[in-house]
Amino acid sequence: MPSERIFAIGDIHGCLDKLQRLMGKLQVAGHDTIIFLGDYIDRGPDSKGVIDFLLMLKEELPARFIFLRGNHEVMFLDYLAGINQQAYLYYGGTDTVDSYSGDTGTFSVPEAHRQFFNALESSYETPDYVFVHAGLRPGVPISEQVDEDRLWIRSGFVNSDYDWGKRVIFGHTPFIVPRIEKNKIGIDTGAVYGRELTCLILPEIDFVFA
């Protein structure tokens, strides 16, 4: 029986065209797992289209899907609840609001999309890896990490050589190329800034770009 592979995909930020091209390059089988590291929305041109496409993939592909929560999804849910709305718009949310307004100019989020955002997971573990949007707090066991760090931490994690006992696969902090270190691999390569959307294939540590 073929061994299970894991496909981990970095921050999409509304770049539907790059997501579609990337998925077209992947040969996914039923025993595989696809993990998205969050930040599906904001800053890019088609956040609504990205969520529509992800929901379609989950229905059509045989693989197991894991959707993680990014800090931009948290801000969007706060926006929908009337919390920190101006801050959300400043940090890229205007593009998402426009995407959900469409040609009519009336902002509306489908119920299936609301359910998607509310069901996102904060992290995912396998025997060898932990997948998270932003990173982990050095010196803190995986089981004691908090969502504030999983979603927002940056330099304190990125610059750390702390060993959590599992390699951390993360997004959130954009690099020109994937950052490969003994304790972690960063795969946000700045798709929304004109660079590539990255997929990491494990356990081989192969990369596919679009």
C-alpha atoms as a PDB file:
ATOM      1  CA  MET A   1       0.000   0.000   0.000  1.00  0.00           C
ATOM      2  CA  PRO A   2       1.411   3.445  -0.857  1.00  0.00           C
ATOM      3  CA  SER A   3       2.626   5.468   2.111  1.00  0.00           C
ATOM      4  CA  GLU A   4       0.632   8.489   3.216  1.00  0.00           C
ATOM      5  CA  ARG A   5       1.827  11.860   2.022  1.00  0.00           C
ATOM      6  CA  ILE A   6       1.048  15.238   3.507  1.00  0.00           C
ATOM      7  CA  PHE A   7       0.547  18.290   1.307  1.00  0.00           C
ATOM      8  CA  ALA A   8       0.891  21.516   3.326  1.00  0.00           C
ATOM      9  CA  ILE A   9      -0.102  24.746   1.577  1.00  0.00           C
ATOM     10  CA  GLY A  10       0.891  28.236   2.697  1.00  0.00           C
ATOM     11  CA  ASP A  11      -0.946  31.542   2.916  1.00  0.00           C
ATOM     12  CA  ILE A  12      -3.287  32.108  -0.044  1.00  0.00           C
ATOM     13  CA  HIS A  13      -4.653  35.593   0.777  1.00  0.00           C
ATOM     14  CA  GLY A  14      -7.313  35.695  -1.919  1.00  0.00           C
ATOM     15  CA  CYS A  15      -5.021  34.553  -4.754  1.00  0.00           C
ATOM     16  CA  LEU A  16      -7.490  32.160  -6.364  1.00  0.00           C
ATOM     17  CA  ASP A  17      -5.572  31.911  -9.639  1.00  0.00           C
ATOM     18  CA  LYS A  18      -2.416  30.715  -7.897  1.00  0.00           C
ATOM     19  CA  LEU A  19      -4.368  28.246  -5.752  1.00  0.00           C
ATOM     20  CA  GLN A  20      -6.022  26.770  -8.832  1.00  0.00           C
ATOM     21  CA  ARG A  21      -2.698  26.427 -10.640  1.00  0.00           C
ATOM     22  CA  LEU A  22      -1.072  24.846  -7.596  1.00  0.00           C
ATOM     23  CA  MET A  23      -3.815  22.280  -7.100  1.00  0.00           C
ATOM     24  CA  GLY A  24      -3.634  21.417 -10.794  1.00  0.00           C
ATOM     25  CA  LYS A  25       0.002  20.393 -10.292  1.00  0.00           C
ATOM     26  CA  LEU A  26      -0.630  18.074  -7.337  1.00  0.00           C
ATOM     27  CA  GLN A  27      -1.266  14.360  -7.739  1.00  0.00           C
ATOM     28  CA  VAL A  28      -3.395  13.658  -4.690  1.00  0.00           C
ATOM     29  CA  ALA A  29      -4.596  10.181  -3.684  1.00  0.00           C
ATOM     30  CA  GLY A  30      -7.154   8.968  -1.179  1.00  0.00           C
ATOM     31  CA  HIS A  31      -4.584   8.098   1.474  1.00  0.00           C
ATOM     32  CA  ASP A  32      -3.074  11.624   1.387  1.00  0.00           C
ATOM     33  CA  THR A  33      -3.775  14.572   3.689  1.00  0.00           C
ATOM     34  CA  ILE A  34      -3.961  18.184   2.512  1.00  0.00           C
ATOM     35  CA  ILE A  35      -3.344  20.799   5.202  1.00  0.00           C
ATOM     36  CA  PHE A  36      -3.986  24.480   4.596  1.00  0.00           C
ATOM     37  CA  LEU A  37      -2.166  26.755   7.052  1.00  0.00           C
ATOM     38  CA  GLY A  38      -4.684  29.600   7.162  1.00  0.00           C
ATOM     39  CA  ASP A  39      -4.918  33.173   5.844  1.00  0.00           C
ATOM     40  CA  TYR A  40      -7.166  32.238   2.943  1.00  0.00           C
ATOM     41  CA  ILE A  41      -8.543  35.777   2.728  1.00  0.00           C
ATOM     42  CA  ASP A  42      -7.604  39.487   2.694  1.00  0.00           C
ATOM     43  CA  ARG A  43      -5.254  41.569   0.527  1.00  0.00           C
ATOM     44  CA  GLY A  44      -5.750  39.458  -2.617  1.00  0.00           C
ATOM     45  CA  PRO A  45      -8.428  39.909  -5.298  1.00  0.00           C
ATOM     46  CA  ASP A  46     -10.818  36.984  -4.728  1.00  0.00           C
ATOM     47  CA  SER A  47     -11.222  35.840  -1.128  1.00  0.00           C
ATOM     48  CA  LYS A  48     -14.773  34.611  -1.692  1.00  0.00           C
ATOM     49  CA  GLY A  49     -13.621  32.623  -4.727  1.00  0.00           C
ATOM     50  CA  VAL A  50     -10.868  30.993  -2.669  1.00  0.00           C
ATOM     51  CA  ILE A  51     -13.368  29.728  -0.086  1.00  0.00           C
ATOM     52  CA  ASP A  52     -15.745  28.518  -2.820  1.00  0.00           C
ATOM     53  CA  PHE A  53     -12.856  26.632  -4.430  1.00  0.00           C
ATOM     54  CA  LEU A  54     -11.704  25.062  -1.150  1.00  0.00           C
ATOM     55  CA  LEU A  55     -15.220  23.843  -0.368  1.00  0.00           C
ATOM     56  CA  MET A  56     -15.443  22.350  -3.856  1.00  0.00           C
ATOM     57  CA  LEU A  57     -12.068  20.603  -3.465  1.00  0.00           C
ATOM     58  CA  LYS A  58     -13.168  19.019  -0.219  1.00  0.00           C
ATOM     59  CA  GLU A  59     -16.204  17.554  -1.962  1.00  0.00           C
ATOM     60  CA  GLU A  60     -14.419  16.391  -5.110  1.00  0.00           C
ATOM     61  CA  LEU A  61     -11.007  15.113  -4.026  1.00  0.00           C
ATOM     62  CA  PRO A  62     -10.561  11.815  -2.165  1.00  0.00           C
ATOM     63  CA  ALA A  63      -7.902  13.109   0.245  1.00  0.00           C
ATOM     64  CA  ARG A  64      -8.396  14.134   3.865  1.00  0.00           C
ATOM     65  CA  PHE A  65      -8.573  17.906   4.324  1.00  0.00           C
ATOM     66  CA  ILE A  66      -7.374  19.891   7.337  1.00  0.00           C
ATOM     67  CA  PHE A  67      -8.121  23.617   7.353  1.00  0.00           C
ATOM     68  CA  LEU A  68      -6.225  25.667   9.938  1.00  0.00           C
ATOM     69  CA  ARG A  69      -7.156  29.086  11.225  1.00  0.00           C
ATOM     70  CA  GLY A  70      -5.026  32.123  10.426  1.00  0.00           C
ATOM     71  CA  ASN A  71      -4.982  35.497  12.142  1.00  0.00           C
ATOM     72  CA  HIS A  72      -6.843  37.006   9.177  1.00  0.00           C
ATOM     73  CA  GLU A  73      -9.737  34.587   9.643  1.00  0.00           C
ATOM     74  CA  VAL A  74      -9.916  35.595  13.312  1.00  0.00           C
ATOM     75  CA  MET A  75     -10.022  39.261  12.335  1.00  0.00           C
ATOM     76  CA  PHE A  76     -12.733  38.546   9.765  1.00  0.00           C
ATOM     77  CA  LEU A  77     -14.907  36.750  12.324  1.00  0.00           C
ATOM     78  CA  ASP A  78     -14.422  39.711  14.661  1.00  0.00           C
ATOM     79  CA  TYR A  79     -15.458  42.025  11.830  1.00  0.00           C
ATOM     80  CA  LEU A  80     -18.629  40.013  11.286  1.00  0.00           C
ATOM     81  CA  ALA A  81     -19.333  40.332  15.011  1.00  0.00           C
ATOM     82  CA  GLY A  82     -18.803  44.105  14.904  1.00  0.00           C
ATOM     83  CA  ILE A  83     -15.422  43.994  16.684  1.00  0.00           C
ATOM     84  CA  ASN A  84     -12.355  46.028  15.598  1.00  0.00           C
ATOM     85  CA  GLN A  85     -13.850  46.607  12.175  1.00  0.00           C
ATOM     86  CA  GLN A  86     -11.663  49.546  11.160  1.00  0.00           C
ATOM     87  CA  ALA A  87      -8.484  47.674  12.110  1.00  0.00           C
ATOM     88  CA  TYR A  88      -9.591  44.703  10.035  1.00  0.00           C
ATOM     89  CA  LEU A  89     -10.239  46.880   6.981  1.00  0.00           C
ATOM     90  CA  TYR A  90      -6.823  48.506   7.390  1.00  0.00           C
ATOM     91  CA  TYR A  91      -5.022  45.140   7.435  1.00  0.00           C
ATOM     92  CA  GLY A  92      -6.412  43.932   4.123  1.00  0.00           C
ATOM     93  CA  GLY A  93     -10.028  43.312   4.976  1.00  0.00           C
ATOM     94  CA  THR A  94     -11.347  45.842   2.463  1.00  0.00           C
ATOM     95  CA  ASP A  95     -10.479  43.423  -0.341  1.00  0.00           C
ATOM     96  CA  THR A  96     -12.455  40.658   1.356  1.00  0.00           C
ATOM     97  CA  VAL A  97     -15.474  42.867   1.991  1.00  0.00           C
ATOM     98  CA  ASP A  98     -15.396  43.890  -1.672  1.00  0.00           C
ATOM     99  CA  SER A  99     -15.124  40.244  -2.700  1.00  0.00           C
ATOM    100  CA  TYR A 100     -18.227  39.342  -0.699  1.00  0.00           C
ATOM    101  CA  SER A 101     -20.084  42.397  -2.014  1.00  0.00           C
ATOM    102  CA  GLY A 102     -19.800  41.447  -5.682  1.00  0.00           C
ATOM    103  CA  ASP A 103     -21.413  43.415  -8.458  1.00  0.00           C
ATOM    104  CA  THR A 104     -24.409  44.409  -6.330  1.00  0.00           C
ATOM    105  CA  GLY A 105     -22.311  46.152  -3.701  1.00  0.00           C
ATOM    106  CA  THR A 106     -24.247  44.407  -0.949  1.00  0.00           C
ATOM    107  CA  PHE A 107     -21.982  42.649   1.547  1.00  0.00           C
ATOM    108  CA  SER A 108     -23.138  39.088   2.217  1.00  0.00           C
ATOM    109  CA  VAL A 109     -21.297  35.983   3.473  1.00  0.00           C
ATOM    110  CA  PRO A 110     -22.932  32.639   2.556  1.00  0.00           C
ATOM    111  CA  GLU A 111     -23.797  30.387   5.478  1.00  0.00           C
ATOM    112  CA  ALA A 112     -21.473  27.665   4.166  1.00  0.00           C
ATOM    113  CA  HIS A 113     -18.602  30.150   4.333  1.00  0.00           C
ATOM    114  CA  ARG A 114     -19.493  31.193   7.881  1.00  0.00           C
ATOM    115  CA  GLN A 115     -19.496  27.539   8.897  1.00  0.00           C
ATOM    116  CA  PHE A 116     -16.118  27.082   7.221  1.00  0.00           C
ATOM    117  CA  PHE A 117     -14.568  29.986   9.137  1.00  0.00           C
ATOM    118  CA  ASN A 118     -16.053  28.874  12.455  1.00  0.00           C
ATOM    119  CA  ALA A 119     -14.861  25.266  12.034  1.00  0.00           C
ATOM    120  CA  LEU A 120     -11.185  26.069  11.382  1.00  0.00           C
ATOM    121  CA  GLU A 121      -8.696  24.309  13.636  1.00  0.00           C
ATOM    122  CA  SER A 122      -5.861  26.055  15.498  1.00  0.00           C
ATOM    123  CA  SER A 123      -3.266  23.319  14.944  1.00  0.00           C
ATOM    124  CA  TYR A 124      -2.803  19.770  13.707  1.00  0.00           C
ATOM    125  CA  GLU A 125      -0.289  17.142  14.835  1.00  0.00           C
ATOM    126  CA  THR A 126       1.167  13.943  13.451  1.00  0.00           C
ATOM    127  CA  PRO A 127       3.833  11.796  15.117  1.00  0.00           C
ATOM    128  CA  ASP A 128       6.571  13.828  13.396  1.00  0.00           C
ATOM    129  CA  TYR A 129       5.112  17.282  12.734  1.00  0.00           C
ATOM    130  CA  VAL A 130       2.935  20.012  14.164  1.00  0.00           C
ATOM    131  CA  PHE A 131       1.157  22.274  11.689  1.00  0.00           C
ATOM    132  CA  VAL A 132       0.184  25.771  12.783  1.00  0.00           C
ATOM    133  CA  HIS A 133      -0.424  29.129  11.162  1.00  0.00           C
ATOM    134  CA  ALA A 134       2.146  31.396  12.826  1.00  0.00           C
ATOM    135  CA  GLY A 135       4.299  29.267  15.131  1.00  0.00           C
ATOM    136  CA  LEU A 136       4.835  28.173  18.717  1.00  0.00           C
ATOM    137  CA  ARG A 137       6.230  29.823  21.842  1.00  0.00           C
ATOM    138  CA  PRO A 138       9.782  28.615  22.555  1.00  0.00           C
ATOM    139  CA  GLY A 139      10.158  26.808  25.875  1.00  0.00           C
ATOM    140  CA  VAL A 140       6.472  25.875  26.031  1.00  0.00           C
ATOM    141  CA  PRO A 141       5.349  22.270  25.337  1.00  0.00           C
ATOM    142  CA  ILE A 142       3.062  21.799  22.330  1.00  0.00           C
ATOM    143  CA  SER A 143       0.178  20.790  24.607  1.00  0.00           C
ATOM    144  CA  GLU A 144       0.419  24.086  26.529  1.00  0.00           C
ATOM    145  CA  GLN A 145       0.566  26.470  23.552  1.00  0.00           C
ATOM    146  CA  VAL A 146      -2.132  29.141  23.309  1.00  0.00           C
ATOM    147  CA  ASP A 147      -3.957  30.430  20.237  1.00  0.00           C
ATOM    148  CA  GLU A 148      -2.506  33.937  20.619  1.00  0.00           C
ATOM    149  CA  ASP A 149       0.889  32.476  19.702  1.00  0.00           C
ATOM    150  CA  ARG A 150      -0.358  29.881  17.215  1.00  0.00           C
ATOM    151  CA  LEU A 151      -1.979  32.701  15.241  1.00  0.00           C
ATOM    152  CA  TRP A 152       0.247  35.738  15.750  1.00  0.00           C
ATOM    153  CA  ILE A 153       3.789  34.944  16.923  1.00  0.00           C
ATOM    154  CA  ARG A 154       6.568  35.954  14.585  1.00  0.00           C
ATOM    155  CA  SER A 155      10.191  36.781  15.421  1.00  0.00           C
ATOM    156  CA  GLY A 156      10.233  35.026  18.795  1.00  0.00           C
ATOM    157  CA  PHE A 157       9.412  31.804  17.002  1.00  0.00           C
ATOM    158  CA  VAL A 158      11.095  32.329  13.642  1.00  0.00           C
ATOM    159  CA  ASN A 159      14.464  33.121  15.225  1.00  0.00           C
ATOM    160  CA  SER A 160      14.331  30.284  17.769  1.00  0.00           C
ATOM    161  CA  ASP A 161      16.202  26.973  17.559  1.00  0.00           C
ATOM    162  CA  TYR A 162      14.072  25.452  20.338  1.00  0.00           C
ATOM    163  CA  ASP A 163      13.177  21.784  19.824  1.00  0.00           C
ATOM    164  CA  TRP A 164       9.494  21.023  20.464  1.00  0.00           C
ATOM    165  CA  GLY A 165      10.052  17.327  19.736  1.00  0.00           C
ATOM    166  CA  LYS A 166       8.265  17.695  16.398  1.00  0.00           C
ATOM    167  CA  ARG A 167       9.138  19.783  13.374  1.00  0.00           C
ATOM    168  CA  VAL A 168       6.865  22.817  13.069  1.00  0.00           C
ATOM    169  CA  ILE A 169       5.323  23.549   9.668  1.00  0.00           C
ATOM    170  CA  PHE A 170       4.106  27.148   9.545  1.00  0.00           C
ATOM    171  CA  GLY A 171       3.011  30.103   7.418  1.00  0.00           C
ATOM    172  CA  HIS A 172       2.260  33.707   8.472  1.00  0.00           C
ATOM    173  CA  THR A 173       5.803  35.082   8.064  1.00  0.00           C
ATOM    174  CA  PRO A 174       6.587  35.501   4.349  1.00  0.00           C
ATOM    175  CA  PHE A 175       9.945  34.439   2.942  1.00  0.00           C
ATOM    176  CA  ILE A 176      11.236  34.728  -0.602  1.00  0.00           C
ATOM    177  CA  VAL A 177      11.829  30.955  -0.600  1.00  0.00           C
ATOM    178  CA  PRO A 178      10.736  28.316   1.928  1.00  0.00           C
ATOM    179  CA  ARG A 179      12.686  28.520   5.174  1.00  0.00           C
ATOM    180  CA  ILE A 180      14.023  25.075   6.048  1.00  0.00           C
ATOM    181  CA  GLU A 181      15.501  24.557   9.504  1.00  0.00           C
ATOM    182  CA  LYS A 182      16.006  21.549  11.741  1.00  0.00           C
ATOM    183  CA  ASN A 183      13.093  22.470  14.000  1.00  0.00           C
ATOM    184  CA  LYS A 184      10.745  24.119  11.508  1.00  0.00           C
ATOM    185  CA  ILE A 185       9.811  24.792   7.874  1.00  0.00           C
ATOM    186  CA  GLY A 186       8.162  28.054   6.815  1.00  0.00           C
ATOM    187  CA  ILE A 187       6.133  27.954   3.613  1.00  0.00           C
ATOM    188  CA  ASP A 188       4.533  31.392   3.284  1.00  0.00           C
ATOM    189  CA  THR A 189       6.387  32.654   0.226  1.00  0.00           C
ATOM    190  CA  GLY A 190       4.353  35.829  -0.265  1.00  0.00           C
ATOM    191  CA  ALA A 191       1.851  34.792  -2.933  1.00  0.00           C
ATOM    192  CA  VAL A 192      -0.152  37.973  -2.426  1.00  0.00           C
ATOM    193  CA  TYR A 193       2.980  40.090  -2.871  1.00  0.00           C
ATOM    194  CA  GLY A 194       3.614  38.857  -6.394  1.00  0.00           C
ATOM    195  CA  ARG A 195       5.611  35.800  -5.448  1.00  0.00           C
ATOM    196  CA  GLU A 196       4.686  32.112  -5.440  1.00  0.00           C
ATOM    197  CA  LEU A 197       2.147  30.035  -3.546  1.00  0.00           C
ATOM    198  CA  THR A 198       3.957  27.069  -2.023  1.00  0.00           C
ATOM    199  CA  CYS A 199       3.030  23.481  -1.256  1.00  0.00           C
ATOM    200  CA  LEU A 200       5.335  21.356   0.911  1.00  0.00           C
ATOM    201  CA  ILE A 201       5.096  17.598   0.382  1.00  0.00           C
ATOM    202  CA  LEU A 202       6.032  15.412   3.351  1.00  0.00           C
ATOM    203  CA  PRO A 203       7.801  13.298   4.339  1.00  0.00           C
ATOM    204  CA  GLU A 204      10.054  13.868   1.282  1.00  0.00           C
ATOM    205  CA  ILE A 205      10.372  17.660   1.848  1.00  0.00           C
ATOM    206  CA  ASP A 206       9.578  18.365  -1.785  1.00  0.00           C
ATOM    207  CA  PHE A 207       8.064  21.639  -2.936  1.00  0.00           C
ATOM    208  CA  VAL A 208       5.552  22.604  -5.613  1.00  0.00           C
ATOM    209  CA  PHE A 209       5.092  26.254  -6.562  1.00  0.00           C
ATOM    210  CA  ALA A 210       2.504  28.220  -8.505  1.00  0.00           C
END
